[in-house]
Amino acid sequence: MQLTQQIRIWPTEAQEDVLDDLSEKCRLIYNFALEERKKAFEEDDKRISYIEQQNQLPKTKEEYPEYKWVYSKVLQSTLRALDADFKSFYSLKKKGDESARPPKFKGKRYFTTMVYNQSGFKFGEGWVRFSHKHPSKIELKFDIPEKFSFDIVRQVSIYKKDGEYYISVNYEEEEQEYVDNGLYQAFDLGVLKHTAVNSKGKTIEFTNERPDRYWEDKIRAVQSKRDHCKKDSRRYKRYDIALKRMKRKCADQMKDFQHKLSRKIVDNTRSNTIIVGDLSVKEMCSQNKYQKGLHTSLHNTGHIGRFVRFLTYKARLVGKRVVEINERKTSKRCCVCGSEQDMPIHKRTYECGDCGSEMDRDENSSINIMSRYLSQNGLWTAYQRFVDNLRQTGIAIQEQALYS
């Protein structure tokens, strides 16, 4: 399994100058290649491939020797990034999206990410070194914490974020073999909390921390002040720096909580199979068109999808598996008798008018997700055990309803 690790580096002033020079050459090669593609597309409706532009690199280096400073695969990766951007543009155009626009040129202040793919880098005990042919001959060797050790490294990227330099290491990590131990845990994922039920019929809730609620008013106030300033003025820049810092801190706090929660779930559950609902954020918002608060919590945050990714890779590392299934109507359907009713998002208790059952809506949904997974996969013994355990936990009316 391939994982990615972000590590901060502290280059000297001389090393920063070299990094900036190399990044500038990557920016220029990106812009020149983009200009060639845009001109061909606008004049002749022609698509220039990545291979064609890559084959022109040797000739470009002969005409402009300064491009030889950059490691060859870094320039190739820059052209690959442009190719990916243009493919997205072509795809939108093909679908008839009139708002589709080609990629933009990168300005002089832009630090272009330098990607070393498979070669051009070397790791040692507490350090990493990158290849280049800059005339200054300054070595790009950086100290990294000794706790980071990688057996097989596929790719390393150097980038700049908020004035700080980082490397992103893509490496191989061996995952444990999955064995179905007959124990399962199903999750109903939500914005405020995640509710789970296991094979023994026991439920547990994990409350989500919401740093975005703390930062929301502060971010909105600073953004309003910034937008009332003249762009690129001294005050505008000051507010813009503060705004970016606040947004970054909010995102980091949310990621930190999700990493810790996913690790806690994987390490503390005895179940080797974790079932989660395949939640469609777009569908949720389309069904609740006028719930502004819900849209703010879901759109452009990636909270739920990111949590599932964290949970998935952590589970694979220890020999467990995360399975996503369709959770359509699991909130509307009574887990006792199977009848359905509308459940607006503000209604937190499921009250069935047919069988009289009453329980938390998320608990009802998690039981439906577990039952659906076990029945769809023909795990009838586990399903029977789950039904019996539900009855023993106090949901007495489950006895006749779940058998029907």
Protein backbone atom coordinates (compact mmCIF):
# COMPACT_ATOMS: atom_id res chain seq x y z
CA MET A 1 0.00 0.00 0.00
CA GLN A 2 1.25 3.47 -0.88
CA LEU A 3 1.13 6.18 1.79
CA THR A 4 2.25 9.81 1.87
CA GLN A 5 4.14 11.58 4.65
CA GLN A 6 4.60 15.34 4.89
CA ILE A 7 7.86 16.50 6.48
CA ARG A 8 8.99 20.08 7.06
CA ILE A 9 12.52 21.05 6.07
CA TRP A 10 14.61 24.08 7.07
CA PRO A 11 16.81 25.15 4.11
CA THR A 12 19.51 27.77 4.53
CA GLU A 13 19.31 31.08 2.66
CA ALA A 14 21.65 29.75 -0.02
CA GLN A 15 19.56 26.60 -0.40
CA GLU A 16 16.39 28.70 -0.61
CA ASP A 17 17.92 30.64 -3.51
CA VAL A 18 18.70 27.39 -5.32
CA LEU A 19 15.20 26.03 -4.70
CA ASP A 20 13.66 29.26 -5.97
CA ASP A 21 15.80 29.18 -9.13
CA LEU A 22 14.89 25.57 -9.86
CA SER A 23 11.23 26.24 -9.18
CA GLU A 24 11.33 29.25 -11.49
CA LYS A 25 12.59 27.07 -14.37
CA CYS A 26 9.74 24.62 -13.72
CA ARG A 27 7.27 27.53 -13.73
CA LEU A 28 8.57 28.80 -17.05
CA ILE A 29 8.50 25.39 -18.70
CA TYR A 30 4.90 25.00 -17.47
CA ASN A 31 3.87 28.38 -18.88
CA PHE A 32 5.60 27.85 -22.24
CA ALA A 33 4.01 24.42 -22.65
CA LEU A 34 0.63 25.84 -21.62
CA GLU A 35 0.92 28.62 -24.19
CA GLU A 36 1.70 26.03 -26.88
CA ARG A 37 -1.32 23.94 -25.91
CA LYS A 38 -3.71 26.91 -25.71
CA LYS A 39 -2.60 28.26 -29.08
CA ALA A 40 -3.04 24.87 -30.77
CA PHE A 41 -6.45 24.41 -29.18
CA GLU A 42 -7.79 27.90 -30.02
CA GLU A 43 -6.48 28.08 -33.57
CA ASP A 44 -6.71 24.52 -34.88
CA ASP A 45 -8.75 22.78 -32.16
CA LYS A 46 -5.74 20.46 -31.82
CA ARG A 47 -4.60 18.58 -28.75
CA ILE A 48 -0.88 18.40 -28.02
CA SER A 49 0.10 15.31 -26.06
CA TYR A 50 2.48 15.02 -23.14
CA ILE A 51 4.81 12.81 -25.23
CA GLU A 52 5.19 15.52 -27.87
CA GLN A 53 6.17 18.14 -25.33
CA GLN A 54 8.45 15.79 -23.45
CA ASN A 55 10.36 15.00 -26.66
CA GLN A 56 11.01 18.72 -27.08
CA LEU A 57 12.84 19.00 -23.74
CA PRO A 58 16.32 18.05 -25.08
CA LYS A 59 16.04 20.72 -27.78
CA THR A 60 14.86 23.28 -25.22
CA LYS A 61 17.87 22.51 -23.02
CA GLU A 62 20.22 23.06 -25.94
CA GLU A 63 18.71 26.47 -26.71
CA TYR A 64 18.41 27.48 -23.05
CA PRO A 65 21.17 25.78 -21.02
CA GLU A 66 19.77 27.03 -17.68
CA TYR A 67 17.06 24.36 -17.91
CA LYS A 68 19.82 21.80 -17.44
CA TRP A 69 20.02 22.94 -13.83
CA VAL A 70 16.82 21.04 -13.09
CA TYR A 71 16.82 17.27 -12.74
CA SER A 72 15.28 15.79 -15.91
CA LYS A 73 12.42 13.94 -14.22
CA VAL A 74 11.38 17.11 -12.41
CA LEU A 75 10.76 18.87 -15.73
CA GLN A 76 8.94 15.81 -17.02
CA SER A 77 6.72 15.77 -13.92
CA THR A 78 5.91 19.44 -14.49
CA LEU A 79 4.69 18.62 -17.99
CA ARG A 80 2.71 15.69 -16.58
CA ALA A 81 0.96 18.05 -14.17
CA LEU A 82 0.05 20.33 -17.07
CA ASP A 83 -1.21 17.32 -19.05
CA ALA A 84 -3.47 16.33 -16.15
CA ASP A 85 -4.82 19.90 -15.90
CA PHE A 86 -5.58 20.01 -19.61
CA LYS A 87 -7.25 16.60 -19.59
CA SER A 88 -9.66 17.89 -16.94
CA PHE A 89 -10.37 20.92 -19.13
CA TYR A 90 -10.97 18.75 -22.21
CA SER A 91 -13.25 16.45 -20.23
CA LEU A 92 -15.43 19.36 -19.10
CA LYS A 93 -15.53 20.76 -22.63
CA LYS A 94 -16.58 17.38 -23.99
CA LYS A 95 -19.46 17.27 -21.52
CA GLY A 96 -20.67 20.64 -22.77
CA ASP A 97 -19.68 22.72 -19.76
CA GLU A 98 -19.60 26.27 -21.11
CA SER A 99 -17.89 27.58 -17.98
CA ALA A 100 -14.83 25.34 -18.54
CA ARG A 101 -11.61 27.30 -18.88
CA PRO A 102 -8.07 26.13 -19.67
CA PRO A 103 -5.45 26.16 -16.89
CA LYS A 104 -4.06 29.55 -15.90
CA PHE A 105 -0.47 30.71 -16.22
CA LYS A 106 1.60 30.64 -13.04
CA GLY A 107 2.73 34.03 -11.77
CA LYS A 108 6.21 35.00 -10.64
CA ARG A 109 5.34 34.62 -6.96
CA TYR A 110 4.23 31.05 -7.48
CA PHE A 111 6.53 28.34 -6.13
CA THR A 112 6.16 25.41 -8.49
CA THR A 113 6.17 22.03 -6.78
CA MET A 114 9.17 19.96 -7.86
CA VAL A 115 8.42 16.26 -8.14
CA TYR A 116 11.26 13.71 -8.03
CA ASN A 117 9.74 10.50 -9.34
CA GLN A 118 11.60 7.24 -8.56
CA SER A 119 15.05 8.83 -8.77
CA GLY A 120 16.97 12.04 -8.08
CA PHE A 121 16.75 11.70 -4.28
CA LYS A 122 18.51 9.73 -1.57
CA PHE A 123 17.56 9.07 2.04
CA GLY A 124 19.98 8.46 4.88
CA GLU A 125 19.78 8.32 8.66
CA GLY A 126 18.15 11.65 9.48
CA TRP A 127 18.67 13.33 6.11
CA VAL A 128 17.51 13.52 2.49
CA ARG A 129 19.42 14.81 -0.55
CA PHE A 130 18.17 15.95 -3.97
CA SER A 131 20.02 16.03 -7.31
CA HIS A 132 20.45 19.20 -9.39
CA LYS A 133 23.01 20.97 -11.60
CA HIS A 134 22.70 24.53 -10.36
CA PRO A 135 25.89 26.54 -11.06
CA SER A 136 26.22 27.44 -7.37
CA LYS A 137 26.85 23.72 -6.66
CA ILE A 138 25.16 24.08 -3.27
CA GLU A 139 24.08 20.70 -1.96
CA LEU A 140 20.34 20.29 -1.39
CA LYS A 141 20.67 18.11 1.69
CA PHE A 142 18.15 18.57 4.49
CA ASP A 143 17.83 17.16 7.98
CA ILE A 144 14.65 15.24 8.79
CA PRO A 145 13.55 13.62 12.09
CA GLU A 146 15.04 10.17 12.56
CA LYS A 147 11.60 8.73 13.34
CA PHE A 148 10.87 8.88 9.60
CA SER A 149 12.27 5.81 7.89
CA PHE A 150 11.10 4.43 4.56
CA ASP A 151 11.95 1.12 2.93
CA ILE A 152 10.66 1.75 -0.60
CA VAL A 153 10.17 5.38 -1.70
CA ARG A 154 8.30 5.97 -4.95
CA GLN A 155 8.25 9.74 -5.17
CA VAL A 156 9.35 12.84 -3.28
CA SER A 157 7.98 16.35 -3.85
CA ILE A 158 9.36 19.68 -2.65
CA TYR A 159 6.82 22.45 -2.14
CA LYS A 160 6.28 25.68 -0.27
CA LYS A 161 3.28 26.44 1.95
CA ASP A 162 2.74 29.69 3.85
CA GLY A 163 6.41 30.59 3.48
CA GLU A 164 7.59 27.23 4.85
CA TYR A 165 9.27 24.44 2.90
CA TYR A 166 8.07 20.85 2.98
CA ILE A 167 8.75 17.54 1.30
CA SER A 168 6.04 15.01 0.58
CA VAL A 169 7.23 11.39 0.55
CA ASN A 170 5.21 8.74 -1.25
CA TYR A 171 6.32 5.33 0.03
CA GLU A 172 5.34 1.68 0.19
CA GLU A 173 4.02 0.23 3.44
CA GLU A 174 3.37 -3.47 3.92
CA GLU A 175 -0.20 -4.26 4.95
CA GLN A 176 -1.31 -7.24 6.99
CA GLU A 177 -3.36 -10.03 5.43
CA TYR A 178 -7.09 -9.74 6.07
CA VAL A 179 -8.84 -12.61 7.87
CA ASP A 180 -12.59 -12.59 8.50
CA ASN A 181 -12.94 -13.41 12.22
CA GLY A 182 -16.74 -13.37 12.16
CA LEU A 183 -16.99 -10.07 14.04
CA TYR A 184 -18.41 -6.96 12.38
CA GLN A 185 -18.96 -3.32 13.24
CA ALA A 186 -21.26 -1.01 11.25
CA PHE A 187 -21.10 2.80 11.30
CA ASP A 188 -23.66 5.44 10.47
CA LEU A 189 -21.43 8.43 9.70
CA GLY A 190 -22.70 11.92 10.37
CA VAL A 191 -21.64 15.54 10.73
CA LEU A 192 -22.23 15.75 14.49
CA LYS A 193 -21.48 12.16 15.51
CA HIS A 194 -20.66 8.65 14.26
CA THR A 195 -22.88 5.88 15.63
CA ALA A 196 -21.70 2.27 15.53
CA VAL A 197 -23.22 -1.12 16.32
CA ASN A 198 -21.21 -4.35 16.57
CA SER A 199 -22.07 -8.02 16.13
CA LYS A 200 -23.03 -8.27 19.80
CA GLY A 201 -25.73 -5.66 19.31
CA LYS A 202 -23.97 -3.04 21.40
CA THR A 203 -23.96 0.55 20.15
CA ILE A 204 -21.45 3.33 20.73
CA GLU A 205 -21.33 6.98 19.70
CA PHE A 206 -18.32 9.10 18.79
CA THR A 207 -18.97 12.84 18.95
CA ASN A 208 -17.26 14.84 16.23
CA GLU A 209 -15.21 17.82 17.23
CA ARG A 210 -16.23 20.83 15.17
CA PRO A 211 -13.39 23.38 15.07
CA ASP A 212 -15.05 24.88 12.00
CA ARG A 213 -17.84 26.16 14.24
CA TYR A 214 -15.31 27.93 16.45
CA TRP A 215 -13.48 29.48 13.51
CA GLU A 216 -16.48 30.22 11.28
CA ASP A 217 -17.41 33.65 12.71
CA LYS A 218 -13.77 34.71 13.05
CA ILE A 219 -12.96 33.72 9.48
CA ARG A 220 -16.06 35.47 8.15
CA ALA A 221 -15.19 38.69 10.02
CA VAL A 222 -11.58 38.79 8.76
CA GLN A 223 -12.67 37.93 5.22
CA SER A 224 -15.20 40.77 5.26
CA LYS A 225 -12.54 43.23 6.40
CA ARG A 226 -10.12 42.01 3.75
CA ASP A 227 -12.68 42.30 0.95
CA HIS A 228 -13.37 45.93 1.88
CA CYS A 229 -9.70 46.82 1.35
CA LYS A 230 -8.02 47.72 -1.89
CA LYS A 231 -6.53 44.57 -3.37
CA ASP A 232 -2.77 44.15 -2.82
CA SER A 233 -2.70 47.06 -0.41
CA ARG A 234 -0.76 46.73 2.84
CA ARG A 235 -3.92 46.22 4.90
CA TYR A 236 -5.34 43.75 2.37
CA LYS A 237 -2.18 41.64 2.57
CA ARG A 238 -2.23 41.68 6.36
CA TYR A 239 -5.82 40.45 6.50
CA ASP A 240 -5.13 37.91 3.76
CA ILE A 241 -2.23 36.39 5.72
CA ALA A 242 -4.38 36.22 8.86
CA LEU A 243 -7.23 34.61 6.92
CA LYS A 244 -5.03 31.91 5.44
CA ARG A 245 -3.50 31.19 8.84
CA MET A 246 -6.94 30.78 10.46
CA LYS A 247 -8.23 28.51 7.69
CA ARG A 248 -5.11 26.37 7.85
CA LYS A 249 -5.36 26.05 11.64
CA CYS A 250 -9.01 25.04 11.40
CA ALA A 251 -8.22 22.38 8.80
CA ASP A 252 -5.24 21.07 10.78
CA GLN A 253 -7.32 20.73 13.95
CA MET A 254 -10.00 18.78 12.08
CA LYS A 255 -7.46 16.45 10.46
CA ASP A 256 -5.74 15.88 13.79
CA PHE A 257 -9.02 14.88 15.45
CA GLN A 258 -9.96 12.53 12.60
CA HIS A 259 -6.55 10.86 12.64
CA LYS A 260 -6.82 10.22 16.37
CA LEU A 261 -10.43 9.00 16.18
CA SER A 262 -9.79 6.62 13.27
CA ARG A 263 -6.74 5.21 15.09
CA LYS A 264 -8.82 4.77 18.26
CA ILE A 265 -11.53 2.88 16.37
CA VAL A 266 -9.15 0.58 14.52
CA ASP A 267 -7.05 -0.25 17.59
CA ASN A 268 -9.95 -0.83 19.98
CA THR A 269 -12.41 -2.82 17.91
CA ARG A 270 -12.12 -6.60 17.86
CA SER A 271 -14.00 -6.71 14.55
CA ASN A 272 -11.86 -7.31 11.48
CA THR A 273 -14.61 -5.97 9.21
CA ILE A 274 -15.85 -2.39 9.54
CA ILE A 275 -18.90 -1.42 7.50
CA VAL A 276 -19.67 2.21 6.66
CA GLY A 277 -22.41 3.74 4.58
CA ASP A 278 -21.47 5.10 1.18
CA LEU A 279 -22.72 8.61 1.96
CA SER A 280 -23.40 10.97 -0.94
CA VAL A 281 -22.91 14.55 0.25
CA LYS A 282 -24.31 15.91 -3.01
CA GLU A 283 -27.50 13.89 -2.60
CA MET A 284 -27.90 14.97 1.04
CA CYS A 285 -27.77 18.63 0.09
CA SER A 286 -30.11 18.19 -2.89
CA GLN A 287 -32.71 16.58 -0.65
CA ASN A 288 -32.43 19.37 1.95
CA LYS A 289 -32.18 22.38 -0.32
CA TYR A 290 -33.03 25.04 2.24
CA GLN A 291 -30.93 23.90 5.19
CA LYS A 292 -28.13 26.43 5.02
CA GLY A 293 -26.36 25.14 8.14
CA LEU A 294 -26.18 21.62 6.75
CA HIS A 295 -24.72 22.84 3.47
CA THR A 296 -22.06 24.87 5.26
CA SER A 297 -21.07 21.82 7.31
CA LEU A 298 -20.79 19.54 4.28
CA HIS A 299 -19.69 21.46 1.21
CA ASN A 300 -16.00 22.11 0.61
CA THR A 301 -15.01 20.40 3.87
CA GLY A 302 -14.56 16.71 2.98
CA HIS A 303 -15.03 15.77 6.64
CA ILE A 304 -16.82 12.45 6.10
CA GLY A 305 -14.97 11.28 2.99
CA ARG A 306 -11.59 12.08 4.54
CA PHE A 307 -12.49 10.21 7.73
CA VAL A 308 -13.36 7.11 5.69
CA ARG A 309 -9.97 7.30 3.91
CA PHE A 310 -8.14 7.57 7.24
CA LEU A 311 -10.12 4.66 8.63
CA THR A 312 -9.48 2.55 5.51
CA TYR A 313 -5.71 2.80 5.35
CA LYS A 314 -5.24 2.42 9.10
CA ALA A 315 -7.39 -0.72 9.04
CA ARG A 316 -5.45 -2.24 6.14
CA LEU A 317 -2.16 -1.76 7.96
CA VAL A 318 -3.32 -4.02 10.82
CA GLY A 319 -5.12 -6.66 8.74
CA LYS A 320 -8.64 -5.26 8.94
CA ARG A 321 -10.94 -4.11 6.18
CA VAL A 322 -13.36 -1.23 5.68
CA VAL A 323 -16.34 -1.96 3.42
CA GLU A 324 -18.59 0.74 1.98
CA ILE A 325 -22.18 -0.21 1.14
CA ASN A 326 -25.17 1.70 -0.16
CA GLU A 327 -27.01 3.22 2.80
CA ARG A 328 -30.04 4.38 0.82
CA LYS A 329 -33.18 4.58 3.00
CA THR A 330 -31.41 3.21 6.09
CA SER A 331 -32.51 6.31 8.03
CA LYS A 332 -36.10 6.11 6.78
CA ARG A 333 -36.64 2.38 7.31
CA CYS A 334 -37.56 0.97 10.69
CA CYS A 335 -35.05 -1.72 11.70
CA VAL A 336 -37.84 -3.46 13.64
CA CYS A 337 -40.69 -3.89 11.16
CA GLY A 338 -39.23 -2.57 7.90
CA SER A 339 -41.80 0.19 7.39
CA GLU A 340 -40.62 3.55 6.02
CA GLN A 341 -41.32 7.15 6.90
CA ASP A 342 -39.82 10.54 6.10
CA MET A 343 -37.00 11.52 8.45
CA PRO A 344 -35.98 15.19 8.08
CA ILE A 345 -32.51 15.91 9.39
CA HIS A 346 -33.78 17.82 12.45
CA LYS A 347 -35.76 14.79 13.68
CA ARG A 348 -33.28 12.93 15.89
CA THR A 349 -35.56 10.19 17.26
CA TYR A 350 -37.08 7.47 15.10
CA GLU A 351 -40.68 6.78 16.18
CA CYS A 352 -42.35 4.02 14.19
CA GLY A 353 -46.12 4.37 13.89
CA ASP A 354 -46.56 0.71 12.84
CA CYS A 355 -44.69 -1.25 15.51
CA GLY A 356 -44.27 1.42 18.16
CA SER A 357 -40.48 1.20 18.36
CA GLU A 358 -38.58 4.30 19.41
CA MET A 359 -34.83 4.85 19.23
CA ASP A 360 -32.14 7.26 18.14
CA ARG A 361 -32.25 7.75 14.37
CA ASP A 362 -28.53 7.06 13.94
CA GLU A 363 -28.77 3.88 16.00
CA ASN A 364 -31.63 2.72 13.78
CA SER A 365 -29.60 3.51 10.67
CA SER A 366 -26.47 1.67 11.89
CA ILE A 367 -28.54 -1.45 12.63
CA ASN A 368 -30.00 -1.29 9.11
CA ILE A 369 -26.51 -0.95 7.63
CA MET A 370 -25.28 -4.00 9.56
CA SER A 371 -28.35 -6.07 8.58
CA ARG A 372 -28.01 -5.09 4.93
CA TYR A 373 -24.34 -6.05 4.77
CA LEU A 374 -24.82 -9.43 6.46
CA SER A 375 -27.87 -10.35 4.37
CA GLN A 376 -26.46 -9.17 1.03
CA ASN A 377 -23.27 -11.19 1.55
CA GLY A 378 -25.06 -14.35 2.66
CA LEU A 379 -23.58 -14.30 6.16
CA TRP A 380 -26.67 -15.90 7.65
CA THR A 381 -25.00 -17.33 10.75
CA ALA A 382 -23.58 -13.93 11.63
CA TYR A 383 -26.95 -12.35 10.83
CA GLN A 384 -28.77 -14.78 13.16
CA ARG A 385 -26.26 -14.11 15.92
CA PHE A 386 -26.63 -10.37 15.44
CA VAL A 387 -30.43 -10.60 15.72
CA ASP A 388 -30.21 -12.69 18.91
CA ASN A 389 -27.70 -10.29 20.46
CA LEU A 390 -29.93 -7.30 19.67
CA ARG A 391 -32.73 -8.96 21.60
CA GLN A 392 -30.45 -9.51 24.58
CA THR A 393 -29.40 -5.84 24.67
CA GLY A 394 -32.96 -4.79 25.43
CA ILE A 395 -34.52 -4.22 22.01
CA ALA A 396 -37.12 -6.88 22.75
CA ILE A 397 -39.40 -6.15 19.81
CA GLN A 398 -36.55 -7.05 17.47
CA GLU A 399 -37.34 -10.73 17.98
CA GLN A 400 -40.28 -10.98 15.63
CA ALA A 401 -39.55 -7.98 13.43
CA LEU A 402 -36.06 -8.80 12.19
CA TYR A 403 -37.07 -12.33 11.36
CA SER A 404 -39.91 -11.12 9.11
